[in-house]
Amino acid sequence: MINALVPVTPPPDTALPAQAESDEQVIALWLHGKSAHSRRAYAADVTRLQVALPKPLAEITLGELQQFADSLSALSANSRKRILSAVKSLLSFGQRVGYLRFNVGAALRAPSAKQTLAERILSESEVHSMIALTPKARDQLLLRLLYASAGRVSEVCALTWADVQPNGDSGQLTFFGKGGKTRAVKLSKATWVALLAYRARRTSDVHASDPVFVGRKGGPLSAGQVRRIVAAAARRAGIAGHVSPHWLRHSHASHALERGAGVALVRDTLGHSSLAITSMYTHAKPNESSALHLAV
């Protein structure tokens, strides 16, 4: 017996509905959830694109995008790479949420930049000098924690006393950082003792919700204030260059690897997303080279 043909219902439309109706809306969605610093930087990069190409994102051609990339030639390679990476990220996001039919940014090659990480790694003696020559107790501990914990400036500024907890014979800090990730960093016994001594010198009514590093107005130190403190400490120590808090994070990674810490451990302490990122430090400051095997 032959079964009767059953009419087939066509599958529903599987196209992703657009999640935005304007460039401004898709940009806002793309920026959502990023840190305040990242939002400012990315918004500035996209504004540069919009000024150069005053037209809807959906109408930008690959040729126009390449011309925009060429127009950045006066900037440093790192700046060009950052701007074009931001633009490519936005266009990719726009297609992913159904706002853009095509992602012309996928075919655009971002320039390679010279790796200058080694220039931003301090020696151990330079770090120690920065700490020792800083007269204010708060700022001295701030420098010590930036280095000892490898925390990002935003993470250290956001620390409260609730994030400071004992752990074995020392203690730990809990950071809530980049990408919305939480990580705990165990401190050395010496740094833990210095942190407790600093808290003991504070008034007796310190609450768990209070910031560890308090500014003049009673709130947490701002990233700008921390950058000024670090720059002043570097000048006192006679260190040339525009030394920033991130230099202490770089120095932590390099010094820990030089002293035998595993790459995976350093990755977890710094909160990197992959071993490849952490491995940059081994290339920036190598301990071995074929040049050492030559007779010159």
C-alpha atoms as a PDB file:
ATOM      1  CA  MET A   1       0.000   0.000   0.000  1.00  0.00           C
ATOM      2  CA  ILE A   2       1.401   3.385  -0.984  1.00  0.00           C
ATOM      3  CA  ASN A   3       1.223   6.000   1.742  1.00  0.00           C
ATOM      4  CA  ALA A   4      -0.442   9.222   0.796  1.00  0.00           C
ATOM      5  CA  LEU A   5       1.883  12.112   0.290  1.00  0.00           C
ATOM      6  CA  VAL A   6       1.939  14.390   3.293  1.00  0.00           C
ATOM      7  CA  PRO A   7       2.397  18.052   2.487  1.00  0.00           C
ATOM      8  CA  VAL A   8       5.689  19.302   3.851  1.00  0.00           C
ATOM      9  CA  THR A   9       5.612  22.504   5.856  1.00  0.00           C
ATOM     10  CA  PRO A  10       8.494  24.724   4.823  1.00  0.00           C
ATOM     11  CA  PRO A  11      11.001  25.312   7.646  1.00  0.00           C
ATOM     12  CA  PRO A  12      10.707  28.585   9.458  1.00  0.00           C
ATOM     13  CA  ASP A  13      12.967  31.398   8.419  1.00  0.00           C
ATOM     14  CA  THR A  14      16.227  30.771  10.263  1.00  0.00           C
ATOM     15  CA  ALA A  15      17.748  34.145   9.490  1.00  0.00           C
ATOM     16  CA  LEU A  16      18.880  35.955  12.608  1.00  0.00           C
ATOM     17  CA  PRO A  17      16.637  38.937  13.310  1.00  0.00           C
ATOM     18  CA  ALA A  18      18.503  42.217  13.415  1.00  0.00           C
ATOM     19  CA  GLN A  19      19.303  43.267  16.967  1.00  0.00           C
ATOM     20  CA  ALA A  20      19.839  46.938  16.065  1.00  0.00           C
ATOM     21  CA  GLU A  21      18.215  49.494  13.806  1.00  0.00           C
ATOM     22  CA  SER A  22      20.988  52.081  13.523  1.00  0.00           C
ATOM     23  CA  ASP A  23      24.754  52.408  13.623  1.00  0.00           C
ATOM     24  CA  GLU A  24      24.517  54.166  16.988  1.00  0.00           C
ATOM     25  CA  GLN A  25      22.508  51.291  18.429  1.00  0.00           C
ATOM     26  CA  VAL A  26      24.850  48.561  17.203  1.00  0.00           C
ATOM     27  CA  ILE A  27      27.856  50.518  18.488  1.00  0.00           C
ATOM     28  CA  ALA A  28      26.193  50.818  21.898  1.00  0.00           C
ATOM     29  CA  LEU A  29      25.538  47.058  21.947  1.00  0.00           C
ATOM     30  CA  TRP A  30      29.146  46.385  20.948  1.00  0.00           C
ATOM     31  CA  LEU A  31      30.507  48.617  23.723  1.00  0.00           C
ATOM     32  CA  HIS A  32      28.184  47.204  26.383  1.00  0.00           C
ATOM     33  CA  GLY A  33      29.960  45.371  29.181  1.00  0.00           C
ATOM     34  CA  LYS A  34      33.428  46.680  28.346  1.00  0.00           C
ATOM     35  CA  SER A  35      35.398  48.589  30.954  1.00  0.00           C
ATOM     36  CA  ALA A  36      35.101  52.375  31.059  1.00  0.00           C
ATOM     37  CA  HIS A  37      38.648  52.695  29.710  1.00  0.00           C
ATOM     38  CA  SER A  38      37.936  50.303  26.829  1.00  0.00           C
ATOM     39  CA  ARG A  39      34.659  52.046  25.994  1.00  0.00           C
ATOM     40  CA  ARG A  40      36.395  55.397  25.717  1.00  0.00           C
ATOM     41  CA  ALA A  41      39.214  54.026  23.573  1.00  0.00           C
ATOM     42  CA  TYR A  42      36.949  52.012  21.249  1.00  0.00           C
ATOM     43  CA  ALA A  43      34.450  54.864  20.892  1.00  0.00           C
ATOM     44  CA  ALA A  44      37.295  57.201  19.869  1.00  0.00           C
ATOM     45  CA  ASP A  45      38.513  54.689  17.271  1.00  0.00           C
ATOM     46  CA  VAL A  46      35.038  54.295  15.762  1.00  0.00           C
ATOM     47  CA  THR A  47      34.527  58.076  15.740  1.00  0.00           C
ATOM     48  CA  ARG A  48      37.723  58.363  13.709  1.00  0.00           C
ATOM     49  CA  LEU A  49      36.220  55.919  11.178  1.00  0.00           C
ATOM     50  CA  GLN A  50      32.916  57.821  11.038  1.00  0.00           C
ATOM     51  CA  VAL A  51      34.676  61.139  10.443  1.00  0.00           C
ATOM     52  CA  ALA A  52      36.778  59.649   7.642  1.00  0.00           C
ATOM     53  CA  LEU A  53      33.830  57.751   6.113  1.00  0.00           C
ATOM     54  CA  PRO A  54      30.626  59.700   6.900  1.00  0.00           C
ATOM     55  CA  LYS A  55      28.204  57.024   5.756  1.00  0.00           C
ATOM     56  CA  PRO A  56      26.302  54.076   7.305  1.00  0.00           C
ATOM     57  CA  LEU A  57      28.409  51.066   8.268  1.00  0.00           C
ATOM     58  CA  ALA A  58      26.421  48.868   5.872  1.00  0.00           C
ATOM     59  CA  GLU A  59      27.510  51.027   2.908  1.00  0.00           C
ATOM     60  CA  ILE A  60      31.258  50.969   3.588  1.00  0.00           C
ATOM     61  CA  THR A  61      33.160  49.026   0.934  1.00  0.00           C
ATOM     62  CA  LEU A  62      36.408  47.122   1.354  1.00  0.00           C
ATOM     63  CA  GLY A  63      38.182  49.647  -0.856  1.00  0.00           C
ATOM     64  CA  GLU A  64      37.026  52.517   1.359  1.00  0.00           C
ATOM     65  CA  LEU A  65      38.101  50.620   4.462  1.00  0.00           C
ATOM     66  CA  GLN A  66      41.535  50.062   2.927  1.00  0.00           C
ATOM     67  CA  GLN A  67      41.780  53.784   2.120  1.00  0.00           C
ATOM     68  CA  PHE A  68      40.912  54.522   5.755  1.00  0.00           C
ATOM     69  CA  ALA A  69      43.684  52.165   6.860  1.00  0.00           C
ATOM     70  CA  ASP A  70      46.134  53.947   4.539  1.00  0.00           C
ATOM     71  CA  SER A  71      45.124  57.316   5.996  1.00  0.00           C
ATOM     72  CA  LEU A  72      46.497  56.217   9.392  1.00  0.00           C
ATOM     73  CA  SER A  73      50.061  55.923   8.067  1.00  0.00           C
ATOM     74  CA  ALA A  74      51.284  58.899  10.137  1.00  0.00           C
ATOM     75  CA  LEU A  75      50.439  57.056  13.367  1.00  0.00           C
ATOM     76  CA  SER A  76      52.604  54.469  15.079  1.00  0.00           C
ATOM     77  CA  ALA A  77      52.190  50.830  14.088  1.00  0.00           C
ATOM     78  CA  ASN A  78      50.681  50.066  17.505  1.00  0.00           C
ATOM     79  CA  SER A  79      48.107  52.853  17.160  1.00  0.00           C
ATOM     80  CA  ARG A  80      47.151  51.747  13.640  1.00  0.00           C
ATOM     81  CA  LYS A  81      46.801  48.163  14.803  1.00  0.00           C
ATOM     82  CA  ARG A  82      44.604  49.177  17.747  1.00  0.00           C
ATOM     83  CA  ILE A  83      42.292  51.365  15.632  1.00  0.00           C
ATOM     84  CA  LEU A  84      41.859  48.814  12.853  1.00  0.00           C
ATOM     85  CA  SER A  85      41.375  45.969  15.339  1.00  0.00           C
ATOM     86  CA  ALA A  86      38.566  47.974  16.956  1.00  0.00           C
ATOM     87  CA  VAL A  87      36.926  48.656  13.569  1.00  0.00           C
ATOM     88  CA  LYS A  88      37.216  45.003  12.542  1.00  0.00           C
ATOM     89  CA  SER A  89      35.709  43.942  15.870  1.00  0.00           C
ATOM     90  CA  LEU A  90      32.737  46.291  15.416  1.00  0.00           C
ATOM     91  CA  LEU A  91      32.027  45.125  11.864  1.00  0.00           C
ATOM     92  CA  SER A  92      32.309  41.482  12.896  1.00  0.00           C
ATOM     93  CA  PHE A  93      29.907  42.097  15.786  1.00  0.00           C
ATOM     94  CA  GLY A  94      27.493  43.901  13.464  1.00  0.00           C
ATOM     95  CA  GLN A  95      27.292  40.887  11.174  1.00  0.00           C
ATOM     96  CA  ARG A  96      27.073  38.465  14.086  1.00  0.00           C
ATOM     97  CA  VAL A  97      23.958  40.149  15.480  1.00  0.00           C
ATOM     98  CA  GLY A  98      22.303  40.402  12.075  1.00  0.00           C
ATOM     99  CA  TYR A  99      22.714  44.156  11.600  1.00  0.00           C
ATOM    100  CA  LEU A 100      25.240  43.910   8.750  1.00  0.00           C
ATOM    101  CA  ARG A 101      24.742  41.526   5.859  1.00  0.00           C
ATOM    102  CA  PHE A 102      28.455  41.410   5.038  1.00  0.00           C
ATOM    103  CA  ASN A 103      31.550  41.941   7.162  1.00  0.00           C
ATOM    104  CA  VAL A 104      33.942  43.811   4.879  1.00  0.00           C
ATOM    105  CA  GLY A 105      36.386  44.083   7.763  1.00  0.00           C
ATOM    106  CA  ALA A 106      37.123  40.358   7.583  1.00  0.00           C
ATOM    107  CA  ALA A 107      39.222  40.934   4.456  1.00  0.00           C
ATOM    108  CA  LEU A 108      41.172  43.849   5.946  1.00  0.00           C
ATOM    109  CA  ARG A 109      44.628  42.989   7.222  1.00  0.00           C
ATOM    110  CA  ALA A 110      45.701  44.798  10.382  1.00  0.00           C
ATOM    111  CA  PRO A 111      49.360  45.902  10.364  1.00  0.00           C
ATOM    112  CA  SER A 112      51.926  44.040  12.404  1.00  0.00           C
ATOM    113  CA  ALA A 113      53.650  46.044  15.119  1.00  0.00           C
ATOM    114  CA  LYS A 114      57.154  45.677  16.492  1.00  0.00           C
ATOM    115  CA  GLN A 115      57.139  43.968  19.864  1.00  0.00           C
ATOM    116  CA  THR A 116      58.470  46.529  22.372  1.00  0.00           C
ATOM    117  CA  LEU A 117      57.542  44.699  25.577  1.00  0.00           C
ATOM    118  CA  ALA A 118      61.168  44.471  26.722  1.00  0.00           C
ATOM    119  CA  GLU A 119      61.297  48.279  26.904  1.00  0.00           C
ATOM    120  CA  ARG A 120      58.527  48.265  29.512  1.00  0.00           C
ATOM    121  CA  ILE A 121      60.030  45.709  31.910  1.00  0.00           C
ATOM    122  CA  LEU A 122      61.822  47.167  34.919  1.00  0.00           C
ATOM    123  CA  SER A 123      64.706  45.470  36.686  1.00  0.00           C
ATOM    124  CA  GLU A 124      64.157  44.126  40.192  1.00  0.00           C
ATOM    125  CA  SER A 125      66.421  46.832  41.612  1.00  0.00           C
ATOM    126  CA  GLU A 126      64.396  49.544  39.834  1.00  0.00           C
ATOM    127  CA  VAL A 127      61.147  48.212  41.313  1.00  0.00           C
ATOM    128  CA  HIS A 128      62.657  48.048  44.787  1.00  0.00           C
ATOM    129  CA  SER A 129      63.994  51.598  44.426  1.00  0.00           C
ATOM    130  CA  MET A 130      60.586  52.913  43.390  1.00  0.00           C
ATOM    131  CA  ILE A 131      59.033  51.386  46.506  1.00  0.00           C
ATOM    132  CA  ALA A 132      61.811  52.346  48.934  1.00  0.00           C
ATOM    133  CA  LEU A 133      62.041  55.978  47.790  1.00  0.00           C
ATOM    134  CA  THR A 134      58.297  56.614  48.039  1.00  0.00           C
ATOM    135  CA  PRO A 135      57.682  58.520  51.294  1.00  0.00           C
ATOM    136  CA  LYS A 136      53.924  58.056  51.726  1.00  0.00           C
ATOM    137  CA  ALA A 137      52.875  54.733  53.315  1.00  0.00           C
ATOM    138  CA  ARG A 138      49.750  54.390  51.161  1.00  0.00           C
ATOM    139  CA  ASP A 139      51.648  54.971  47.930  1.00  0.00           C
ATOM    140  CA  GLN A 140      54.457  52.651  48.979  1.00  0.00           C
ATOM    141  CA  LEU A 141      51.981  49.818  49.580  1.00  0.00           C
ATOM    142  CA  LEU A 142      50.197  50.655  46.321  1.00  0.00           C
ATOM    143  CA  LEU A 143      53.426  50.213  44.349  1.00  0.00           C
ATOM    144  CA  ARG A 144      54.194  47.004  46.218  1.00  0.00           C
ATOM    145  CA  LEU A 145      50.769  45.492  45.491  1.00  0.00           C
ATOM    146  CA  LEU A 146      50.800  46.532  41.816  1.00  0.00           C
ATOM    147  CA  TYR A 147      54.049  44.601  41.466  1.00  0.00           C
ATOM    148  CA  ALA A 148      53.460  41.727  43.903  1.00  0.00           C
ATOM    149  CA  SER A 149      49.950  40.890  42.686  1.00  0.00           C
ATOM    150  CA  ALA A 150      50.371  41.822  38.995  1.00  0.00           C
ATOM    151  CA  GLY A 151      46.965  43.456  39.255  1.00  0.00           C
ATOM    152  CA  ARG A 152      45.715  45.788  36.551  1.00  0.00           C
ATOM    153  CA  VAL A 153      45.334  49.384  37.707  1.00  0.00           C
ATOM    154  CA  SER A 154      41.530  49.150  37.497  1.00  0.00           C
ATOM    155  CA  GLU A 155      41.562  45.970  39.600  1.00  0.00           C
ATOM    156  CA  VAL A 156      43.777  47.436  42.309  1.00  0.00           C
ATOM    157  CA  CYS A 157      41.734  50.651  42.453  1.00  0.00           C
ATOM    158  CA  ALA A 158      38.561  48.583  42.945  1.00  0.00           C
ATOM    159  CA  LEU A 159      39.958  46.535  45.848  1.00  0.00           C
ATOM    160  CA  THR A 160      37.973  46.668  49.078  1.00  0.00           C
ATOM    161  CA  TRP A 161      38.922  45.108  52.405  1.00  0.00           C
ATOM    162  CA  ALA A 162      36.388  42.349  51.700  1.00  0.00           C
ATOM    163  CA  ASP A 163      38.709  41.299  48.854  1.00  0.00           C
ATOM    164  CA  VAL A 164      41.584  40.863  51.321  1.00  0.00           C
ATOM    165  CA  GLN A 165      41.475  37.458  52.974  1.00  0.00           C
ATOM    166  CA  PRO A 166      43.960  35.265  54.909  1.00  0.00           C
ATOM    167  CA  ASN A 167      45.272  32.185  53.152  1.00  0.00           C
ATOM    168  CA  GLY A 168      47.576  29.812  55.023  1.00  0.00           C
ATOM    169  CA  ASP A 169      50.597  31.646  56.396  1.00  0.00           C
ATOM    170  CA  SER A 170      49.872  34.737  54.259  1.00  0.00           C
ATOM    171  CA  GLY A 171      46.823  36.024  52.437  1.00  0.00           C
ATOM    172  CA  GLN A 172      45.204  36.675  49.090  1.00  0.00           C
ATOM    173  CA  LEU A 173      43.508  39.348  47.012  1.00  0.00           C
ATOM    174  CA  THR A 174      40.388  38.705  44.942  1.00  0.00           C
ATOM    175  CA  PHE A 175      40.282  40.672  41.717  1.00  0.00           C
ATOM    176  CA  PHE A 176      37.267  41.194  39.480  1.00  0.00           C
ATOM    177  CA  GLY A 177      38.827  42.186  36.223  1.00  0.00           C
ATOM    178  CA  LYS A 178      38.975  42.176  32.473  1.00  0.00           C
ATOM    179  CA  GLY A 179      36.242  40.197  30.737  1.00  0.00           C
ATOM    180  CA  GLY A 180      34.190  40.015  33.931  1.00  0.00           C
ATOM    181  CA  LYS A 181      36.481  37.329  35.357  1.00  0.00           C
ATOM    182  CA  THR A 182      37.277  36.803  39.025  1.00  0.00           C
ATOM    183  CA  ARG A 183      40.659  35.515  40.146  1.00  0.00           C
ATOM    184  CA  ALA A 184      42.409  35.134  43.481  1.00  0.00           C
ATOM    185  CA  VAL A 185      46.089  35.971  43.860  1.00  0.00           C
ATOM    186  CA  LYS A 186      48.023  34.675  46.852  1.00  0.00           C
ATOM    187  CA  LEU A 187      50.567  37.121  48.276  1.00  0.00           C
ATOM    188  CA  SER A 188      53.978  36.463  49.730  1.00  0.00           C
ATOM    189  CA  LYS A 189      54.179  36.484  53.533  1.00  0.00           C
ATOM    190  CA  ALA A 190      56.213  39.722  53.515  1.00  0.00           C
ATOM    191  CA  THR A 191      53.668  41.573  51.357  1.00  0.00           C
ATOM    192  CA  TRP A 192      50.781  40.202  53.438  1.00  0.00           C
ATOM    193  CA  VAL A 193      52.422  41.491  56.647  1.00  0.00           C
ATOM    194  CA  ALA A 194      52.922  44.913  55.027  1.00  0.00           C
ATOM    195  CA  LEU A 195      49.251  44.996  54.005  1.00  0.00           C
ATOM    196  CA  LEU A 196      48.049  44.112  57.515  1.00  0.00           C
ATOM    197  CA  ALA A 197      50.359  46.710  59.045  1.00  0.00           C
ATOM    198  CA  TYR A 198      48.918  49.345  56.698  1.00  0.00           C
ATOM    199  CA  ARG A 199      45.379  48.410  57.734  1.00  0.00           C
ATOM    200  CA  ALA A 200      46.337  48.532  61.397  1.00  0.00           C
ATOM    201  CA  ARG A 201      47.541  52.121  60.964  1.00  0.00           C
ATOM    202  CA  ARG A 202      44.140  53.086  59.579  1.00  0.00           C
ATOM    203  CA  THR A 203      41.315  54.101  61.905  1.00  0.00           C
ATOM    204  CA  SER A 204      39.710  51.282  63.861  1.00  0.00           C
ATOM    205  CA  ASP A 205      36.376  51.594  62.047  1.00  0.00           C
ATOM    206  CA  VAL A 206      37.535  50.182  58.708  1.00  0.00           C
ATOM    207  CA  HIS A 207      34.619  48.348  57.065  1.00  0.00           C
ATOM    208  CA  ALA A 208      34.731  45.453  54.622  1.00  0.00           C
ATOM    209  CA  SER A 209      33.220  47.623  51.891  1.00  0.00           C
ATOM    210  CA  ASP A 210      35.834  50.383  52.270  1.00  0.00           C
ATOM    211  CA  PRO A 211      38.410  50.772  49.485  1.00  0.00           C
ATOM    212  CA  VAL A 212      41.905  49.594  50.350  1.00  0.00           C
ATOM    213  CA  PHE A 213      43.410  52.682  48.715  1.00  0.00           C
ATOM    214  CA  VAL A 214      41.500  55.816  49.632  1.00  0.00           C
ATOM    215  CA  GLY A 215      41.795  59.130  47.807  1.00  0.00           C
ATOM    216  CA  ARG A 216      41.628  62.614  49.322  1.00  0.00           C
ATOM    217  CA  LYS A 217      37.830  62.759  48.942  1.00  0.00           C
ATOM    218  CA  GLY A 218      37.278  59.481  50.781  1.00  0.00           C
ATOM    219  CA  GLY A 219      36.515  57.306  47.747  1.00  0.00           C
ATOM    220  CA  PRO A 220      38.841  54.866  45.992  1.00  0.00           C
ATOM    221  CA  LEU A 221      41.916  56.146  44.189  1.00  0.00           C
ATOM    222  CA  SER A 222      41.276  56.763  40.501  1.00  0.00           C
ATOM    223  CA  ALA A 223      43.369  55.210  37.751  1.00  0.00           C
ATOM    224  CA  GLY A 224      44.676  58.678  36.904  1.00  0.00           C
ATOM    225  CA  GLN A 225      45.869  59.211  40.468  1.00  0.00           C
ATOM    226  CA  VAL A 226      47.615  55.826  40.449  1.00  0.00           C
ATOM    227  CA  ARG A 227      49.350  56.656  37.168  1.00  0.00           C
ATOM    228  CA  ARG A 228      50.650  59.914  38.667  1.00  0.00           C
ATOM    229  CA  ILE A 229      51.900  58.107  41.796  1.00  0.00           C
ATOM    230  CA  VAL A 230      53.760  55.527  39.691  1.00  0.00           C
ATOM    231  CA  ALA A 231      55.264  58.174  37.404  1.00  0.00           C
ATOM    232  CA  ALA A 232      56.488  60.184  40.395  1.00  0.00           C
ATOM    233  CA  ALA A 233      58.036  57.063  41.960  1.00  0.00           C
ATOM    234  CA  ALA A 234      59.869  56.302  38.716  1.00  0.00           C
ATOM    235  CA  ARG A 235      61.282  59.848  38.583  1.00  0.00           C
ATOM    236  CA  ARG A 236      62.527  59.561  42.181  1.00  0.00           C
ATOM    237  CA  ALA A 237      64.249  56.300  41.245  1.00  0.00           C
ATOM    238  CA  GLY A 238      65.867  57.925  38.200  1.00  0.00           C
ATOM    239  CA  ILE A 239      64.056  55.713  35.686  1.00  0.00           C
ATOM    240  CA  ALA A 240      63.655  57.166  32.200  1.00  0.00           C
ATOM    241  CA  GLY A 241      60.520  56.771  30.111  1.00  0.00           C
ATOM    242  CA  HIS A 242      56.809  57.141  30.687  1.00  0.00           C
ATOM    243  CA  VAL A 243      56.554  54.486  33.416  1.00  0.00           C
ATOM    244  CA  SER A 244      52.954  53.397  34.019  1.00  0.00           C
ATOM    245  CA  PRO A 245      51.305  50.953  36.464  1.00  0.00           C
ATOM    246  CA  HIS A 246      51.263  48.322  33.716  1.00  0.00           C
ATOM    247  CA  TRP A 247      55.068  48.308  33.715  1.00  0.00           C
ATOM    248  CA  LEU A 248      54.919  46.790  37.206  1.00  0.00           C
ATOM    249  CA  ARG A 249      52.584  44.062  35.924  1.00  0.00           C
ATOM    250  CA  HIS A 250      54.990  43.335  33.054  1.00  0.00           C
ATOM    251  CA  SER A 251      57.884  43.272  35.497  1.00  0.00           C
ATOM    252  CA  HIS A 252      56.084  40.818  37.797  1.00  0.00           C
ATOM    253  CA  ALA A 253      55.584  38.380  34.914  1.00  0.00           C
ATOM    254  CA  SER A 254      59.156  38.647  33.666  1.00  0.00           C
ATOM    255  CA  HIS A 255      60.762  38.364  37.117  1.00  0.00           C
ATOM    256  CA  ALA A 256      58.547  35.434  38.157  1.00  0.00           C
ATOM    257  CA  LEU A 257      59.492  33.512  34.998  1.00  0.00           C
ATOM    258  CA  GLU A 258      63.181  34.318  35.505  1.00  0.00           C
ATOM    259  CA  ARG A 259      62.946  32.936  39.057  1.00  0.00           C
ATOM    260  CA  GLY A 260      61.468  29.641  37.881  1.00  0.00           C
ATOM    261  CA  ALA A 261      57.684  30.111  37.970  1.00  0.00           C
ATOM    262  CA  GLY A 262      55.863  28.071  35.336  1.00  0.00           C
ATOM    263  CA  VAL A 263      54.232  29.839  32.409  1.00  0.00           C
ATOM    264  CA  ALA A 264      50.814  28.400  33.355  1.00  0.00           C
ATOM    265  CA  LEU A 265      51.110  29.726  36.919  1.00  0.00           C
ATOM    266  CA  VAL A 266      52.059  33.195  35.675  1.00  0.00           C
ATOM    267  CA  ARG A 267      49.165  33.071  33.212  1.00  0.00           C
ATOM    268  CA  ASP A 268      46.698  32.328  36.006  1.00  0.00           C
ATOM    269  CA  THR A 269      48.134  35.021  38.284  1.00  0.00           C
ATOM    270  CA  LEU A 270      47.914  37.690  35.573  1.00  0.00           C
ATOM    271  CA  GLY A 271      44.516  36.478  34.349  1.00  0.00           C
ATOM    272  CA  HIS A 272      45.618  35.981  30.759  1.00  0.00           C
ATOM    273  CA  SER A 273      43.254  34.149  28.430  1.00  0.00           C
ATOM    274  CA  SER A 274      45.963  31.920  26.941  1.00  0.00           C
ATOM    275  CA  LEU A 275      49.518  30.684  27.415  1.00  0.00           C
ATOM    276  CA  ALA A 276      50.481  32.385  24.149  1.00  0.00           C
ATOM    277  CA  ILE A 277      49.974  35.809  25.713  1.00  0.00           C
ATOM    278  CA  THR A 278      52.053  34.955  28.780  1.00  0.00           C
ATOM    279  CA  SER A 279      54.761  33.405  26.614  1.00  0.00           C
ATOM    280  CA  MET A 280      55.489  36.860  25.190  1.00  0.00           C
ATOM    281  CA  TYR A 281      57.499  37.539  28.336  1.00  0.00           C
ATOM    282  CA  THR A 282      59.842  34.626  27.697  1.00  0.00           C
ATOM    283  CA  HIS A 283      60.534  36.027  24.212  1.00  0.00           C
ATOM    284  CA  ALA A 284      60.925  39.598  25.469  1.00  0.00           C
ATOM    285  CA  LYS A 285      63.548  38.637  28.063  1.00  0.00           C
ATOM    286  CA  PRO A 286      65.020  35.275  26.969  1.00  0.00           C
ATOM    287  CA  ASN A 287      67.417  33.459  29.276  1.00  0.00           C
ATOM    288  CA  GLU A 288      68.796  31.291  26.463  1.00  0.00           C
ATOM    289  CA  SER A 289      69.887  31.993  22.901  1.00  0.00           C
ATOM    290  CA  SER A 290      71.940  30.273  20.228  1.00  0.00           C
ATOM    291  CA  ALA A 291      74.168  33.374  20.308  1.00  0.00           C
ATOM    292  CA  LEU A 292      75.473  32.212  23.697  1.00  0.00           C
ATOM    293  CA  HIS A 293      76.924  29.133  22.015  1.00  0.00           C
ATOM    294  CA  LEU A 294      79.200  31.105  19.673  1.00  0.00           C
ATOM    295  CA  ALA A 295      82.850  31.911  20.250  1.00  0.00           C
ATOM    296  CA  VAL A 296      82.377  35.692  19.986  1.00  0.00           C
END
